[in-house]
């Protein structure tokens, strides 16, 4: 009669040989399933801002804008608009920069920079990806960001 350890070993081998078959059946329904899921996936644009402070006596800041597609689908060409305004009332906008953004696949990003000289005071920089709402995204609420910069 087989011992208990041999029976347990035989059972374990049987289970391990069946598990890959069961897991394979749960993954998808064939090669068309991933393509269909990718077709329905939407892009999701986000934007980040950085302002590199100048070294004295240089007063020119380097403003860097990054537009990234964090969604599962590809994104058509779009644009990004950057507003530079006073941080305190009357908050007048004194510079607007608009940049065309190339098509972005899932996970890809587009980076651009521009120089800016500030006078004395506090300023707000706001970047808006897809400002004209041409791209149908999975999340339209994360398309803008703001930072403040102290001019010297």
C-alpha atoms as a PDB file:
ATOM      1  CA  UNK A   1       0.000   0.000   0.000  1.00  0.00           C
ATOM      2  CA  UNK A   2       1.292   3.458  -0.868  1.00  0.00           C
ATOM      3  CA  UNK A   3       2.272   5.648   2.008  1.00  0.00           C
ATOM      4  CA  UNK A   4       0.534   8.882   2.828  1.00  0.00           C
ATOM      5  CA  UNK A   5       3.437  11.068   1.555  1.00  0.00           C
ATOM      6  CA  UNK A   6       3.426   9.311  -1.837  1.00  0.00           C
ATOM      7  CA  UNK A   7      -0.332   9.898  -2.181  1.00  0.00           C
ATOM      8  CA  UNK A   8       0.091  13.591  -1.273  1.00  0.00           C
ATOM      9  CA  UNK A   9       2.888  13.920  -3.823  1.00  0.00           C
ATOM     10  CA  UNK A  10       0.792  12.295  -6.559  1.00  0.00           C
ATOM     11  CA  UNK A  11      -2.119  14.607  -5.732  1.00  0.00           C
ATOM     12  CA  UNK A  12       0.149  17.674  -5.844  1.00  0.00           C
ATOM     13  CA  UNK A  13       1.536  16.675  -9.257  1.00  0.00           C
ATOM     14  CA  UNK A  14      -2.000  16.184 -10.559  1.00  0.00           C
ATOM     15  CA  UNK A  15      -3.138  19.596  -9.254  1.00  0.00           C
ATOM     16  CA  UNK A  16      -0.100  21.399 -10.679  1.00  0.00           C
ATOM     17  CA  UNK A  17      -0.668  19.862 -14.101  1.00  0.00           C
ATOM     18  CA  UNK A  18      -4.317  21.009 -14.158  1.00  0.00           C
ATOM     19  CA  UNK A  19      -3.791  24.596 -12.838  1.00  0.00           C
ATOM     20  CA  UNK A  20      -2.223  25.968 -16.057  1.00  0.00           C
ATOM     21  CA  UNK A  21      -5.186  24.669 -18.065  1.00  0.00           C
ATOM     22  CA  UNK A  22      -7.690  26.350 -15.741  1.00  0.00           C
ATOM     23  CA  UNK A  23      -5.753  29.645 -15.656  1.00  0.00           C
ATOM     24  CA  UNK A  24      -5.452  29.657 -19.453  1.00  0.00           C
ATOM     25  CA  UNK A  25      -9.228  29.324 -19.762  1.00  0.00           C
ATOM     26  CA  UNK A  26      -9.735  32.424 -17.572  1.00  0.00           C
ATOM     27  CA  UNK A  27      -7.357  34.813 -19.372  1.00  0.00           C
ATOM     28  CA  UNK A  28      -9.299  35.816 -22.453  1.00  0.00           C
ATOM     29  CA  UNK A  29     -11.443  34.385 -25.202  1.00  0.00           C
ATOM     30  CA  UNK A  30      -8.771  34.417 -27.901  1.00  0.00           C
ATOM     31  CA  UNK A  31      -6.533  36.781 -29.841  1.00  0.00           C
ATOM     32  CA  UNK A  32      -9.385  39.187 -30.611  1.00  0.00           C
ATOM     33  CA  UNK A  33     -10.047  39.987 -26.923  1.00  0.00           C
ATOM     34  CA  UNK A  34      -6.915  42.125 -26.281  1.00  0.00           C
ATOM     35  CA  UNK A  35      -7.437  43.989 -29.551  1.00  0.00           C
ATOM     36  CA  UNK A  36     -11.053  44.738 -28.636  1.00  0.00           C
ATOM     37  CA  UNK A  37     -10.044  45.968 -25.179  1.00  0.00           C
ATOM     38  CA  UNK A  38      -7.357  48.202 -26.708  1.00  0.00           C
ATOM     39  CA  UNK A  39      -9.829  49.575 -29.251  1.00  0.00           C
ATOM     40  CA  UNK A  40     -12.203  50.673 -26.473  1.00  0.00           C
ATOM     41  CA  UNK A  41      -9.408  52.131 -24.298  1.00  0.00           C
ATOM     42  CA  UNK A  42      -9.347  55.923 -24.129  1.00  0.00           C
ATOM     43  CA  UNK A  43      -6.411  58.271 -23.689  1.00  0.00           C
ATOM     44  CA  UNK A  44      -6.027  60.318 -20.508  1.00  0.00           C
ATOM     45  CA  UNK A  45      -3.865  63.448 -20.702  1.00  0.00           C
ATOM     46  CA  UNK A  46      -2.157  64.909 -17.651  1.00  0.00           C
ATOM     47  CA  UNK A  47       0.144  67.902 -17.436  1.00  0.00           C
ATOM     48  CA  UNK A  48       2.983  68.847 -15.090  1.00  0.00           C
ATOM     49  CA  UNK A  49       4.915  72.113 -14.697  1.00  0.00           C
ATOM     50  CA  UNK A  50       8.413  72.905 -13.494  1.00  0.00           C
ATOM     51  CA  UNK A  51      10.093  76.290 -13.118  1.00  0.00           C
ATOM     52  CA  UNK A  52      13.888  76.159 -12.902  1.00  0.00           C
ATOM     53  CA  UNK A  53      15.109  79.122 -10.874  1.00  0.00           C
ATOM     54  CA  UNK A  54      17.856  81.179 -12.476  1.00  0.00           C
ATOM     55  CA  UNK A  55      21.282  81.710 -10.965  1.00  0.00           C
ATOM     56  CA  UNK A  56      21.990  85.295  -9.954  1.00  0.00           C
ATOM     57  CA  UNK A  57      22.401  87.677 -11.796  1.00  0.00           C
ATOM     58  CA  UNK A  58      20.411  85.890 -14.520  1.00  0.00           C
ATOM     59  CA  UNK A  59      16.653  86.472 -14.081  1.00  0.00           C
ATOM     60  CA  UNK A  60      15.421  84.096 -16.782  1.00  0.00           C
ATOM     61  CA  UNK A  61      13.372  81.140 -15.538  1.00  0.00           C
ATOM     62  CA  UNK A  62      13.099  77.991 -17.665  1.00  0.00           C
ATOM     63  CA  UNK A  63       9.481  76.789 -17.637  1.00  0.00           C
ATOM     64  CA  UNK A  64       9.104  73.100 -18.568  1.00  0.00           C
ATOM     65  CA  UNK A  65       5.734  71.572 -19.418  1.00  0.00           C
ATOM     66  CA  UNK A  66       5.162  67.813 -19.720  1.00  0.00           C
ATOM     67  CA  UNK A  67       1.981  66.417 -21.281  1.00  0.00           C
ATOM     68  CA  UNK A  68       1.614  62.681 -20.665  1.00  0.00           C
ATOM     69  CA  UNK A  69      -0.946  60.151 -21.860  1.00  0.00           C
ATOM     70  CA  UNK A  70      -1.592  57.921 -18.843  1.00  0.00           C
ATOM     71  CA  UNK A  71      -4.624  56.283 -20.471  1.00  0.00           C
ATOM     72  CA  UNK A  72      -4.800  52.934 -22.232  1.00  0.00           C
ATOM     73  CA  UNK A  73      -5.533  54.283 -25.714  1.00  0.00           C
ATOM     74  CA  UNK A  74      -3.676  56.421 -28.213  1.00  0.00           C
ATOM     75  CA  UNK A  75      -4.287  60.165 -28.355  1.00  0.00           C
ATOM     76  CA  UNK A  76      -4.678  62.252 -31.485  1.00  0.00           C
ATOM     77  CA  UNK A  77      -2.804  65.517 -31.962  1.00  0.00           C
ATOM     78  CA  UNK A  78      -3.879  68.147 -29.459  1.00  0.00           C
ATOM     79  CA  UNK A  79      -2.531  71.329 -27.925  1.00  0.00           C
ATOM     80  CA  UNK A  80      -1.445  72.647 -24.557  1.00  0.00           C
ATOM     81  CA  UNK A  81      -1.965  76.197 -23.374  1.00  0.00           C
ATOM     82  CA  UNK A  82       0.040  77.878 -20.616  1.00  0.00           C
ATOM     83  CA  UNK A  83      -1.219  81.009 -18.860  1.00  0.00           C
ATOM     84  CA  UNK A  84       1.105  83.274 -16.884  1.00  0.00           C
ATOM     85  CA  UNK A  85      -0.675  85.729 -14.574  1.00  0.00           C
ATOM     86  CA  UNK A  86      -0.249  87.736 -11.413  1.00  0.00           C
ATOM     87  CA  UNK A  87      -1.046  85.584  -8.360  1.00  0.00           C
ATOM     88  CA  UNK A  88      -2.873  88.430  -6.577  1.00  0.00           C
ATOM     89  CA  UNK A  89      -5.920  90.425  -7.725  1.00  0.00           C
ATOM     90  CA  UNK A  90      -6.618  91.630 -10.316  1.00  0.00           C
ATOM     91  CA  UNK A  91      -4.810  88.456 -11.546  1.00  0.00           C
ATOM     92  CA  UNK A  92      -4.275  89.792 -15.045  1.00  0.00           C
ATOM     93  CA  UNK A  93      -2.862  87.310 -17.553  1.00  0.00           C
ATOM     94  CA  UNK A  94       0.176  88.811 -19.256  1.00  0.00           C
ATOM     95  CA  UNK A  95       1.456  85.879 -21.300  1.00  0.00           C
ATOM     96  CA  UNK A  96      -0.173  82.923 -23.053  1.00  0.00           C
ATOM     97  CA  UNK A  97       1.870  80.171 -24.693  1.00  0.00           C
ATOM     98  CA  UNK A  98       0.163  77.594 -26.922  1.00  0.00           C
ATOM     99  CA  UNK A  99       2.032  74.534 -28.149  1.00  0.00           C
ATOM    100  CA  UNK A 100       0.842  71.783 -30.501  1.00  0.00           C
ATOM    101  CA  UNK A 101       1.233  68.321 -28.956  1.00  0.00           C
ATOM    102  CA  UNK A 102       2.073  65.358 -31.195  1.00  0.00           C
ATOM    103  CA  UNK A 103       0.044  62.151 -31.208  1.00  0.00           C
ATOM    104  CA  UNK A 104       0.753  60.222 -28.018  1.00  0.00           C
ATOM    105  CA  UNK A 105       0.501  56.477 -27.552  1.00  0.00           C
ATOM    106  CA  UNK A 106      -0.377  55.009 -24.158  1.00  0.00           C
ATOM    107  CA  UNK A 107       2.361  55.964 -21.687  1.00  0.00           C
ATOM    108  CA  UNK A 108       4.073  58.450 -24.016  1.00  0.00           C
ATOM    109  CA  UNK A 109       4.819  62.063 -23.143  1.00  0.00           C
ATOM    110  CA  UNK A 110       5.558  65.353 -24.887  1.00  0.00           C
ATOM    111  CA  UNK A 111       7.855  67.911 -23.252  1.00  0.00           C
ATOM    112  CA  UNK A 112       8.444  71.548 -24.179  1.00  0.00           C
ATOM    113  CA  UNK A 113      10.123  74.508 -22.482  1.00  0.00           C
ATOM    114  CA  UNK A 114      10.214  78.256 -22.800  1.00  0.00           C
ATOM    115  CA  UNK A 115      12.120  81.071 -21.055  1.00  0.00           C
ATOM    116  CA  UNK A 116      10.376  83.653 -18.876  1.00  0.00           C
ATOM    117  CA  UNK A 117      11.589  86.737 -17.015  1.00  0.00           C
ATOM    118  CA  UNK A 118       9.538  87.857 -14.005  1.00  0.00           C
ATOM    119  CA  UNK A 119       9.538  91.223 -12.308  1.00  0.00           C
ATOM    120  CA  UNK A 120       9.235  91.522  -8.541  1.00  0.00           C
ATOM    121  CA  UNK A 121       6.111  89.795  -7.170  1.00  0.00           C
ATOM    122  CA  UNK A 122       4.245  86.493  -7.021  1.00  0.00           C
ATOM    123  CA  UNK A 123       3.081  84.869 -10.249  1.00  0.00           C
ATOM    124  CA  UNK A 124       0.915  81.901 -11.165  1.00  0.00           C
ATOM    125  CA  UNK A 125       1.601  79.605 -14.098  1.00  0.00           C
ATOM    126  CA  UNK A 126      -1.244  77.363 -15.241  1.00  0.00           C
ATOM    127  CA  UNK A 127      -0.930  74.671 -17.913  1.00  0.00           C
ATOM    128  CA  UNK A 128      -3.974  73.084 -19.560  1.00  0.00           C
ATOM    129  CA  UNK A 129      -3.643  69.997 -21.764  1.00  0.00           C
ATOM    130  CA  UNK A 130      -6.264  69.662 -24.517  1.00  0.00           C
ATOM    131  CA  UNK A 131      -7.597  73.128 -23.650  1.00  0.00           C
ATOM    132  CA  UNK A 132     -10.066  73.060 -26.538  1.00  0.00           C
ATOM    133  CA  UNK A 133     -11.484  69.624 -25.492  1.00  0.00           C
ATOM    134  CA  UNK A 134     -10.882  67.870 -28.825  1.00  0.00           C
ATOM    135  CA  UNK A 135      -9.713  64.592 -27.240  1.00  0.00           C
ATOM    136  CA  UNK A 136     -12.306  62.220 -25.740  1.00  0.00           C
ATOM    137  CA  UNK A 137     -10.539  61.110 -22.557  1.00  0.00           C
ATOM    138  CA  UNK A 138     -11.240  58.653 -19.772  1.00  0.00           C
ATOM    139  CA  UNK A 139     -10.750  61.475 -17.204  1.00  0.00           C
ATOM    140  CA  UNK A 140     -11.219  65.113 -18.209  1.00  0.00           C
ATOM    141  CA  UNK A 141     -10.624  66.449 -14.674  1.00  0.00           C
ATOM    142  CA  UNK A 142      -6.831  66.003 -14.552  1.00  0.00           C
ATOM    143  CA  UNK A 143      -5.916  68.161 -17.560  1.00  0.00           C
ATOM    144  CA  UNK A 144      -4.603  71.203 -15.694  1.00  0.00           C
ATOM    145  CA  UNK A 145      -2.075  72.163 -13.065  1.00  0.00           C
ATOM    146  CA  UNK A 146      -0.791  75.365 -11.447  1.00  0.00           C
ATOM    147  CA  UNK A 147       2.392  76.480  -9.747  1.00  0.00           C
ATOM    148  CA  UNK A 148       3.449  79.778  -8.188  1.00  0.00           C
ATOM    149  CA  UNK A 149       6.750  81.507  -8.834  1.00  0.00           C
ATOM    150  CA  UNK A 150       8.230  84.433  -6.903  1.00  0.00           C
ATOM    151  CA  UNK A 151       9.835  86.949  -9.229  1.00  0.00           C
ATOM    152  CA  UNK A 152      12.994  88.728  -8.157  1.00  0.00           C
END
